[in-house]
């Protein structure tokens, strides 16, 4: 994992370390609500503009999911390390 990917994911989710699973899930839900492609269906009657907006929303949805996976796995790894040190 590169530091840049982690930094970008944290910026996208507007989080800083340490963060909780609840914060991560809340931000993911908000981002997916904002970028769901179906939201762009009635914004314009111009098919070209619609497809541009729809494509951007699809790209952002993929980015949100990839960033969530990265941040979730990092959180789980930190929790496992903390559990290991506690026992």
PDB file of N, CA and C in Angstrom:
ATOM      1  N   UNK A   1       0.865  -1.186   0.000  1.00  0.00           N
ATOM      2  CA  UNK A   1       0.000   0.000   0.000  1.00  0.00           C
ATOM      3  C   UNK A   1       0.899   1.231   0.000  1.00  0.00           C
ATOM      4  N   UNK A   2       0.574   2.149  -0.852  1.00  0.00           N
ATOM      5  CA  UNK A   2       1.365   3.370  -0.902  1.00  0.00           C
ATOM      6  C   UNK A   2       0.770   4.420   0.024  1.00  0.00           C
ATOM      7  N   UNK A   3       1.634   5.282   0.502  1.00  0.00           N
ATOM      8  CA  UNK A   3       1.193   6.369   1.380  1.00  0.00           C
ATOM      9  C   UNK A   3       0.229   7.292   0.643  1.00  0.00           C
ATOM     10  N   UNK A   4       0.439   7.478  -0.659  1.00  0.00           N
ATOM     11  CA  UNK A   4      -0.429   8.352  -1.460  1.00  0.00           C
ATOM     12  C   UNK A   4      -1.860   7.813  -1.502  1.00  0.00           C
ATOM     13  N   UNK A   5      -2.005   6.508  -1.716  1.00  0.00           N
ATOM     14  CA  UNK A   5      -3.353   5.912  -1.747  1.00  0.00           C
ATOM     15  C   UNK A   5      -4.061   6.090  -0.419  1.00  0.00           C
ATOM     16  N   UNK A   6      -3.322   5.887   0.672  1.00  0.00           N
ATOM     17  CA  UNK A   6      -3.895   6.056   1.996  1.00  0.00           C
ATOM     18  C   UNK A   6      -4.296   7.509   2.235  1.00  0.00           C
ATOM     19  N   UNK A   7      -3.429   8.428   1.877  1.00  0.00           N
ATOM     20  CA  UNK A   7      -3.718   9.856   2.040  1.00  0.00           C
ATOM     21  C   UNK A   7      -4.935  10.257   1.217  1.00  0.00           C
ATOM     22  N   UNK A   8      -4.996   9.795  -0.031  1.00  0.00           N
ATOM     23  CA  UNK A   8      -6.142  10.107  -0.900  1.00  0.00           C
ATOM     24  C   UNK A   8      -7.438   9.540  -0.335  1.00  0.00           C
ATOM     25  N   UNK A   9      -7.382   8.324   0.184  1.00  0.00           N
ATOM     26  CA  UNK A   9      -8.573   7.695   0.755  1.00  0.00           C
ATOM     27  C   UNK A   9      -9.047   8.463   1.990  1.00  0.00           C
ATOM     28  N   UNK A  10      -8.111   8.851   2.845  1.00  0.00           N
ATOM     29  CA  UNK A  10      -8.479   9.618   4.036  1.00  0.00           C
ATOM     30  C   UNK A  10      -9.074  10.969   3.654  1.00  0.00           C
ATOM     31  N   UNK A  11      -8.509  11.606   2.630  1.00  0.00           N
ATOM     32  CA  UNK A  11      -9.044  12.895   2.168  1.00  0.00           C
ATOM     33  C   UNK A  11     -10.450  12.730   1.606  1.00  0.00           C
ATOM     34  N   UNK A  12     -10.653  11.715   0.782  1.00  0.00           N
ATOM     35  CA  UNK A  12     -11.968  11.469   0.192  1.00  0.00           C
ATOM     36  C   UNK A  12     -13.023  11.270   1.282  1.00  0.00           C
ATOM     37  N   UNK A  13     -12.651  10.534   2.313  1.00  0.00           N
ATOM     38  CA  UNK A  13     -13.585  10.249   3.400  1.00  0.00           C
ATOM     39  C   UNK A  13     -13.590  11.338   4.474  1.00  0.00           C
ATOM     40  N   UNK A  14     -12.762  12.350   4.316  1.00  0.00           N
ATOM     41  CA  UNK A  14     -12.655  13.455   5.285  1.00  0.00           C
ATOM     42  C   UNK A  14     -12.391  12.914   6.685  1.00  0.00           C
ATOM     43  N   UNK A  15     -11.465  11.968   6.770  1.00  0.00           N
ATOM     44  CA  UNK A  15     -11.098  11.359   8.039  1.00  0.00           C
ATOM     45  C   UNK A  15      -9.614  11.562   8.301  1.00  0.00           C
ATOM     46  N   UNK A  16      -9.245  11.446   9.550  1.00  0.00           N
ATOM     47  CA  UNK A  16      -7.838  11.409   9.925  1.00  0.00           C
ATOM     48  C   UNK A  16      -7.666  10.258  10.902  1.00  0.00           C
ATOM     49  N   UNK A  17      -6.458   9.770  10.983  1.00  0.00           N
ATOM     50  CA  UNK A  17      -6.205   8.653  11.882  1.00  0.00           C
ATOM     51  C   UNK A  17      -6.049   9.165  13.299  1.00  0.00           C
ATOM     52  N   UNK A  18      -6.524   8.476  14.297  1.00  0.00           N
ATOM     53  CA  UNK A  18      -7.304   7.238  14.219  1.00  0.00           C
ATOM     54  C   UNK A  18      -8.776   7.519  13.934  1.00  0.00           C
ATOM     55  N   UNK A  19      -9.422   6.594  13.268  1.00  0.00           N
ATOM     56  CA  UNK A  19     -10.851   6.706  12.971  1.00  0.00           C
ATOM     57  C   UNK A  19     -11.521   5.414  13.403  1.00  0.00           C
ATOM     58  N   UNK A  20     -12.822   5.478  13.590  1.00  0.00           N
ATOM     59  CA  UNK A  20     -13.564   4.296  14.024  1.00  0.00           C
ATOM     60  C   UNK A  20     -14.314   3.689  12.843  1.00  0.00           C
ATOM     61  N   UNK A  21     -14.763   2.465  13.019  1.00  0.00           N
ATOM     62  CA  UNK A  21     -15.559   1.802  11.989  1.00  0.00           C
ATOM     63  C   UNK A  21     -16.862   2.561  11.770  1.00  0.00           C
ATOM     64  N   UNK A  22     -17.438   3.083  12.839  1.00  0.00           N
ATOM     65  CA  UNK A  22     -18.675   3.854  12.720  1.00  0.00           C
ATOM     66  C   UNK A  22     -18.460   5.101  11.856  1.00  0.00           C
ATOM     67  N   UNK A  23     -17.363   5.818  12.082  1.00  0.00           N
ATOM     68  CA  UNK A  23     -17.069   7.007  11.271  1.00  0.00           C
ATOM     69  C   UNK A  23     -16.868   6.617   9.809  1.00  0.00           C
ATOM     70  N   UNK A  24     -16.135   5.548   9.591  1.00  0.00           N
ATOM     71  CA  UNK A  24     -15.853   5.081   8.232  1.00  0.00           C
ATOM     72  C   UNK A  24     -17.146   4.710   7.508  1.00  0.00           C
ATOM     73  N   UNK A  25     -18.017   3.966   8.175  1.00  0.00           N
ATOM     74  CA  UNK A  25     -19.284   3.560   7.547  1.00  0.00           C
ATOM     75  C   UNK A  25     -20.189   4.757   7.282  1.00  0.00           C
ATOM     76  N   UNK A  26     -20.230   5.711   8.214  1.00  0.00           N
ATOM     77  CA  UNK A  26     -21.071   6.902   8.038  1.00  0.00           C
ATOM     78  C   UNK A  26     -20.604   7.709   6.825  1.00  0.00           C
ATOM     79  N   UNK A  27     -19.308   7.882   6.688  1.00  0.00           N
ATOM     80  CA  UNK A  27     -18.771   8.638   5.550  1.00  0.00           C
ATOM     81  C   UNK A  27     -19.011   7.901   4.237  1.00  0.00           C
ATOM     82  N   UNK A  28     -18.868   6.574   4.262  1.00  0.00           N
ATOM     83  CA  UNK A  28     -19.116   5.782   3.050  1.00  0.00           C
ATOM     84  C   UNK A  28     -20.568   5.936   2.599  1.00  0.00           C
ATOM     85  N   UNK A  29     -21.501   5.835   3.546  1.00  0.00           N
ATOM     86  CA  UNK A  29     -22.913   5.990   3.207  1.00  0.00           C
ATOM     87  C   UNK A  29     -23.199   7.369   2.618  1.00  0.00           C
ATOM     88  N   UNK A  30     -22.615   8.402   3.208  1.00  0.00           N
ATOM     89  CA  UNK A  30     -22.826   9.763   2.712  1.00  0.00           C
ATOM     90  C   UNK A  30     -22.248   9.928   1.308  1.00  0.00           C
ATOM     91  N   UNK A  31     -21.057   9.406   1.084  1.00  0.00           N
ATOM     92  CA  UNK A  31     -20.424   9.524  -0.237  1.00  0.00           C
ATOM     93  C   UNK A  31     -21.203   8.743  -1.294  1.00  0.00           C
ATOM     94  N   UNK A  32     -21.625   7.541  -0.948  1.00  0.00           N
ATOM     95  CA  UNK A  32     -22.388   6.753  -1.923  1.00  0.00           C
ATOM     96  C   UNK A  32     -23.735   7.403  -2.225  1.00  0.00           C
ATOM     97  N   UNK A  33     -24.334   8.026  -1.243  1.00  0.00           N
ATOM     98  CA  UNK A  33     -25.588   8.751  -1.494  1.00  0.00           C
ATOM     99  C   UNK A  33     -25.348   9.911  -2.457  1.00  0.00           C
ATOM    100  N   UNK A  34     -24.259  10.627  -2.247  1.00  0.00           N
ATOM    101  CA  UNK A  34     -23.931  11.768  -3.114  1.00  0.00           C
ATOM    102  C   UNK A  34     -23.621  11.327  -4.535  1.00  0.00           C
ATOM    103  N   UNK A  35     -22.892  10.232  -4.679  1.00  0.00           N
ATOM    104  CA  UNK A  35     -22.384   9.837  -5.997  1.00  0.00           C
ATOM    105  C   UNK A  35     -23.135   8.690  -6.660  1.00  0.00           C
ATOM    106  N   UNK A  36     -24.269   8.278  -6.141  1.00  0.00           N
ATOM    107  CA  UNK A  36     -24.994   7.207  -6.816  1.00  0.00           C
ATOM    108  C   UNK A  36     -25.395   7.676  -8.222  1.00  0.00           C
ATOM    109  N   UNK A  37     -25.062   6.907  -9.244  1.00  0.00           N
ATOM    110  CA  UNK A  37     -25.319   7.349 -10.622  1.00  0.00           C
ATOM    111  C   UNK A  37     -26.788   7.668 -10.921  1.00  0.00           C
ATOM    112  N   UNK A  38     -27.719   6.984 -10.275  1.00  0.00           N
ATOM    113  CA  UNK A  38     -29.140   7.215 -10.545  1.00  0.00           C
ATOM    114  C   UNK A  38     -29.580   8.640 -10.187  1.00  0.00           C
ATOM    115  N   UNK A  39     -28.861   9.310  -9.296  1.00  0.00           N
ATOM    116  CA  UNK A  39     -29.227  10.675  -8.917  1.00  0.00           C
ATOM    117  C   UNK A  39     -29.138  11.638 -10.094  1.00  0.00           C
ATOM    118  N   UNK A  40     -28.368  11.286 -11.108  1.00  0.00           N
ATOM    119  CA  UNK A  40     -28.135  12.188 -12.222  1.00  0.00           C
ATOM    120  C   UNK A  40     -29.135  12.004 -13.358  1.00  0.00           C
ATOM    121  N   UNK A  41     -30.081  11.103 -13.181  1.00  0.00           N
ATOM    122  CA  UNK A  41     -31.019  10.760 -14.253  1.00  0.00           C
ATOM    123  C   UNK A  41     -31.890  11.939 -14.676  1.00  0.00           C
ATOM    124  N   UNK A  42     -32.357  12.754 -13.740  1.00  0.00           N
ATOM    125  CA  UNK A  42     -33.291  13.833 -14.078  1.00  0.00           C
ATOM    126  C   UNK A  42     -32.674  15.227 -14.018  1.00  0.00           C
ATOM    127  N   UNK A  43     -31.359  15.311 -13.975  1.00  0.00           N
ATOM    128  CA  UNK A  43     -30.722  16.618 -13.846  1.00  0.00           C
ATOM    129  C   UNK A  43     -30.687  17.410 -15.147  1.00  0.00           C
ATOM    130  N   UNK A  44     -30.708  16.715 -16.255  1.00  0.00           N
ATOM    131  CA  UNK A  44     -30.608  17.410 -17.532  1.00  0.00           C
ATOM    132  C   UNK A  44     -31.330  16.616 -18.618  1.00  0.00           C
ATOM    133  N   UNK A  45     -31.792  17.321 -19.618  1.00  0.00           N
ATOM    134  CA  UNK A  45     -32.383  16.657 -20.775  1.00  0.00           C
ATOM    135  C   UNK A  45     -31.352  16.447 -21.876  1.00  0.00           C
ATOM    136  N   UNK A  46     -30.143  16.921 -21.651  1.00  0.00           N
ATOM    137  CA  UNK A  46     -29.063  16.786 -22.621  1.00  0.00           C
ATOM    138  C   UNK A  46     -28.384  15.425 -22.407  1.00  0.00           C
ATOM    139  N   UNK A  47     -28.531  14.511 -23.366  1.00  0.00           N
ATOM    140  CA  UNK A  47     -27.960  13.166 -23.179  1.00  0.00           C
ATOM    141  C   UNK A  47     -26.451  13.165 -22.968  1.00  0.00           C
ATOM    142  N   UNK A  48     -25.742  14.049 -23.648  1.00  0.00           N
ATOM    143  CA  UNK A  48     -24.283  14.080 -23.510  1.00  0.00           C
ATOM    144  C   UNK A  48     -23.894  14.506 -22.086  1.00  0.00           C
ATOM    145  N   UNK A  49     -24.546  15.550 -21.570  1.00  0.00           N
ATOM    146  CA  UNK A  49     -24.249  16.001 -20.205  1.00  0.00           C
ATOM    147  C   UNK A  49     -24.647  14.939 -19.189  1.00  0.00           C
ATOM    148  N   UNK A  50     -25.767  14.286 -19.449  1.00  0.00           N
ATOM    149  CA  UNK A  50     -26.204  13.221 -18.556  1.00  0.00           C
ATOM    150  C   UNK A  50     -25.173  12.108 -18.500  1.00  0.00           C
ATOM    151  N   UNK A  51     -24.691  11.676 -19.638  1.00  0.00           N
ATOM    152  CA  UNK A  51     -23.720  10.583 -19.667  1.00  0.00           C
ATOM    153  C   UNK A  51     -22.410  10.999 -19.013  1.00  0.00           C
ATOM    154  N   UNK A  52     -22.004  12.262 -19.174  1.00  0.00           N
ATOM    155  CA  UNK A  52     -20.790  12.737 -18.506  1.00  0.00           C
ATOM    156  C   UNK A  52     -20.975  12.674 -16.990  1.00  0.00           C
ATOM    157  N   UNK A  53     -22.114  13.149 -16.506  1.00  0.00           N
ATOM    158  CA  UNK A  53     -22.387  13.138 -15.074  1.00  0.00           C
ATOM    159  C   UNK A  53     -22.504  11.700 -14.557  1.00  0.00           C
ATOM    160  N   UNK A  54     -23.176  10.853 -15.325  1.00  0.00           N
ATOM    161  CA  UNK A  54     -23.360   9.464 -14.937  1.00  0.00           C
ATOM    162  C   UNK A  54     -22.014   8.741 -14.863  1.00  0.00           C
ATOM    163  N   UNK A  55     -21.161   8.972 -15.861  1.00  0.00           N
ATOM    164  CA  UNK A  55     -19.836   8.356 -15.890  1.00  0.00           C
ATOM    165  C   UNK A  55     -18.992   8.823 -14.708  1.00  0.00           C
ATOM    166  N   UNK A  56     -19.039  10.107 -14.411  1.00  0.00           N
ATOM    167  CA  UNK A  56     -18.310  10.658 -13.265  1.00  0.00           C
ATOM    168  C   UNK A  56     -18.815  10.013 -11.975  1.00  0.00           C
ATOM    169  N   UNK A  57     -20.114   9.865 -11.836  1.00  0.00           N
ATOM    170  CA  UNK A  57     -20.685   9.246 -10.643  1.00  0.00           C
ATOM    171  C   UNK A  57     -20.259   7.782 -10.520  1.00  0.00           C
ATOM    172  N   UNK A  58     -20.220   7.062 -11.630  1.00  0.00           N
ATOM    173  CA  UNK A  58     -19.756   5.675 -11.603  1.00  0.00           C
ATOM    174  C   UNK A  58     -18.303   5.598 -11.168  1.00  0.00           C
ATOM    175  N   UNK A  59     -17.470   6.501 -11.697  1.00  0.00           N
ATOM    176  CA  UNK A  59     -16.054   6.535 -11.330  1.00  0.00           C
ATOM    177  C   UNK A  59     -15.886   6.838  -9.839  1.00  0.00           C
ATOM    178  N   UNK A  60     -16.662   7.797  -9.353  1.00  0.00           N
ATOM    179  CA  UNK A  60     -16.574   8.165  -7.942  1.00  0.00           C
ATOM    180  C   UNK A  60     -17.069   7.030  -7.048  1.00  0.00           C
ATOM    181  N   UNK A  61     -18.101   6.325  -7.470  1.00  0.00           N
ATOM    182  CA  UNK A  61     -18.598   5.192  -6.698  1.00  0.00           C
ATOM    183  C   UNK A  61     -17.521   4.117  -6.583  1.00  0.00           C
ATOM    184  N   UNK A  62     -16.839   3.835  -7.676  1.00  0.00           N
ATOM    185  CA  UNK A  62     -15.742   2.860  -7.650  1.00  0.00           C
ATOM    186  C   UNK A  62     -14.614   3.333  -6.740  1.00  0.00           C
ATOM    187  N   UNK A  63     -14.296   4.617  -6.806  1.00  0.00           N
ATOM    188  CA  UNK A  63     -13.246   5.184  -5.963  1.00  0.00           C
ATOM    189  C   UNK A  63     -13.632   5.108  -4.482  1.00  0.00           C
ATOM    190  N   UNK A  64     -14.883   5.403  -4.174  1.00  0.00           N
ATOM    191  CA  UNK A  64     -15.363   5.320  -2.797  1.00  0.00           C
ATOM    192  C   UNK A  64     -15.229   3.886  -2.285  1.00  0.00           C
ATOM    193  N   UNK A  65     -15.653   2.915  -3.077  1.00  0.00           N
ATOM    194  CA  UNK A  65     -15.591   1.512  -2.658  1.00  0.00           C
ATOM    195  C   UNK A  65     -14.146   1.043  -2.477  1.00  0.00           C
ATOM    196  N   UNK A  66     -13.262   1.435  -3.387  1.00  0.00           N
ATOM    197  CA  UNK A  66     -11.856   1.045  -3.275  1.00  0.00           C
ATOM    198  C   UNK A  66     -11.219   1.688  -2.038  1.00  0.00           C
ATOM    199  N   UNK A  67     -11.528   2.949  -1.811  1.00  0.00           N
ATOM    200  CA  UNK A  67     -10.985   3.652  -0.645  1.00  0.00           C
ATOM    201  C   UNK A  67     -11.529   3.045   0.640  1.00  0.00           C
ATOM    202  N   UNK A  68     -12.812   2.701   0.641  1.00  0.00           N
ATOM    203  CA  UNK A  68     -13.411   2.064   1.815  1.00  0.00           C
ATOM    204  C   UNK A  68     -12.707   0.740   2.123  1.00  0.00           C
ATOM    205  N   UNK A  69     -12.473  -0.059   1.108  1.00  0.00           N
ATOM    206  CA  UNK A  69     -11.795  -1.350   1.305  1.00  0.00           C
ATOM    207  C   UNK A  69     -10.421  -1.159   1.919  1.00  0.00           C
ATOM    208  N   UNK A  70      -9.689  -0.175   1.412  1.00  0.00           N
ATOM    209  CA  UNK A  70      -8.357   0.117   1.921  1.00  0.00           C
ATOM    210  C   UNK A  70      -8.409   0.544   3.386  1.00  0.00           C
ATOM    211  N   UNK A  71      -9.270   1.504   3.695  1.00  0.00           N
ATOM    212  CA  UNK A  71      -9.365   2.017   5.060  1.00  0.00           C
ATOM    213  C   UNK A  71      -9.913   0.969   6.022  1.00  0.00           C
ATOM    214  N   UNK A  72     -10.862   0.155   5.558  1.00  0.00           N
ATOM    215  CA  UNK A  72     -11.432  -0.906   6.388  1.00  0.00           C
ATOM    216  C   UNK A  72     -10.369  -1.949   6.728  1.00  0.00           C
ATOM    217  N   UNK A  73      -9.605  -2.370   5.726  1.00  0.00           N
ATOM    218  CA  UNK A  73      -8.581  -3.387   5.983  1.00  0.00           C
ATOM    219  C   UNK A  73      -7.489  -2.840   6.902  1.00  0.00           C
ATOM    220  N   UNK A  74      -7.156  -1.577   6.762  1.00  0.00           N
ATOM    221  CA  UNK A  74      -6.170  -0.956   7.647  1.00  0.00           C
ATOM    222  C   UNK A  74      -6.695  -0.914   9.082  1.00  0.00           C
ATOM    223  N   UNK A  75      -7.950  -0.555   9.244  1.00  0.00           N
ATOM    224  CA  UNK A  75      -8.570  -0.504  10.565  1.00  0.00           C
ATOM    225  C   UNK A  75      -8.587  -1.888  11.207  1.00  0.00           C
ATOM    226  N   UNK A  76      -8.952  -2.908  10.440  1.00  0.00           N
ATOM    227  CA  UNK A  76      -8.987  -4.274  10.967  1.00  0.00           C
ATOM    228  C   UNK A  76      -7.584  -4.750  11.345  1.00  0.00           C
ATOM    229  N   UNK A  77      -6.582  -4.414  10.553  1.00  0.00           N
ATOM    230  CA  UNK A  77      -5.199  -4.801  10.859  1.00  0.00           C
ATOM    231  C   UNK A  77      -4.733  -4.134  12.148  1.00  0.00           C
ATOM    232  N   UNK A  78      -5.092  -2.865  12.338  1.00  0.00           N
ATOM    233  CA  UNK A  78      -4.708  -2.163  13.563  1.00  0.00           C
ATOM    234  C   UNK A  78      -5.410  -2.769  14.771  1.00  0.00           C
ATOM    235  N   UNK A  79      -6.690  -3.120  14.613  1.00  0.00           N
ATOM    236  CA  UNK A  79      -7.426  -3.739  15.715  1.00  0.00           C
ATOM    237  C   UNK A  79      -6.826  -5.101  16.070  1.00  0.00           C
ATOM    238  N   UNK A  80      -6.435  -5.871  15.072  1.00  0.00           N
ATOM    239  CA  UNK A  80      -5.837  -7.180  15.310  1.00  0.00           C
ATOM    240  C   UNK A  80      -4.498  -7.014  16.020  1.00  0.00           C
ATOM    241  N   UNK A  81      -3.709  -6.037  15.626  1.00  0.00           N
ATOM    242  CA  UNK A  81      -2.424  -5.790  16.277  1.00  0.00           C
ATOM    243  C   UNK A  81      -2.629  -5.359  17.724  1.00  0.00           C
ATOM    244  N   UNK A  82      -3.619  -4.520  17.969  1.00  0.00           N
ATOM    245  CA  UNK A  82      -3.913  -4.085  19.331  1.00  0.00           C
ATOM    246  C   UNK A  82      -4.409  -5.257  20.194  1.00  0.00           C
ATOM    247  N   UNK A  83      -5.234  -6.121  19.604  1.00  0.00           N
ATOM    248  CA  UNK A  83      -5.730  -7.290  20.324  1.00  0.00           C
ATOM    249  C   UNK A  83      -4.581  -8.234  20.670  1.00  0.00           C
ATOM    250  N   UNK A  84      -3.645  -8.365  19.752  1.00  0.00           N
ATOM    251  CA  UNK A  84      -2.499  -9.247  19.956  1.00  0.00           C
ATOM    252  C   UNK A  84      -1.601  -8.718  21.080  1.00  0.00           C
ATOM    253  N   UNK A  85      -1.401  -7.395  21.109  1.00  0.00           N
ATOM    254  CA  UNK A  85      -0.561  -6.793  22.149  1.00  0.00           C
ATOM    255  C   UNK A  85      -1.251  -6.825  23.503  1.00  0.00           C
ATOM    256  N   UNK A  86      -2.577  -6.800  23.514  1.00  0.00           N
ATOM    257  CA  UNK A  86      -3.327  -6.777  24.771  1.00  0.00           C
ATOM    258  C   UNK A  86      -3.325  -8.141  25.456  1.00  0.00           C
ATOM    259  N   UNK A  87      -3.159  -9.202  24.677  1.00  0.00           N
ATOM    260  CA  UNK A  87      -3.223 -10.524  25.292  1.00  0.00           C
ATOM    261  C   UNK A  87      -1.876 -11.054  25.715  1.00  0.00           C
TER     262      UNK A  87
END
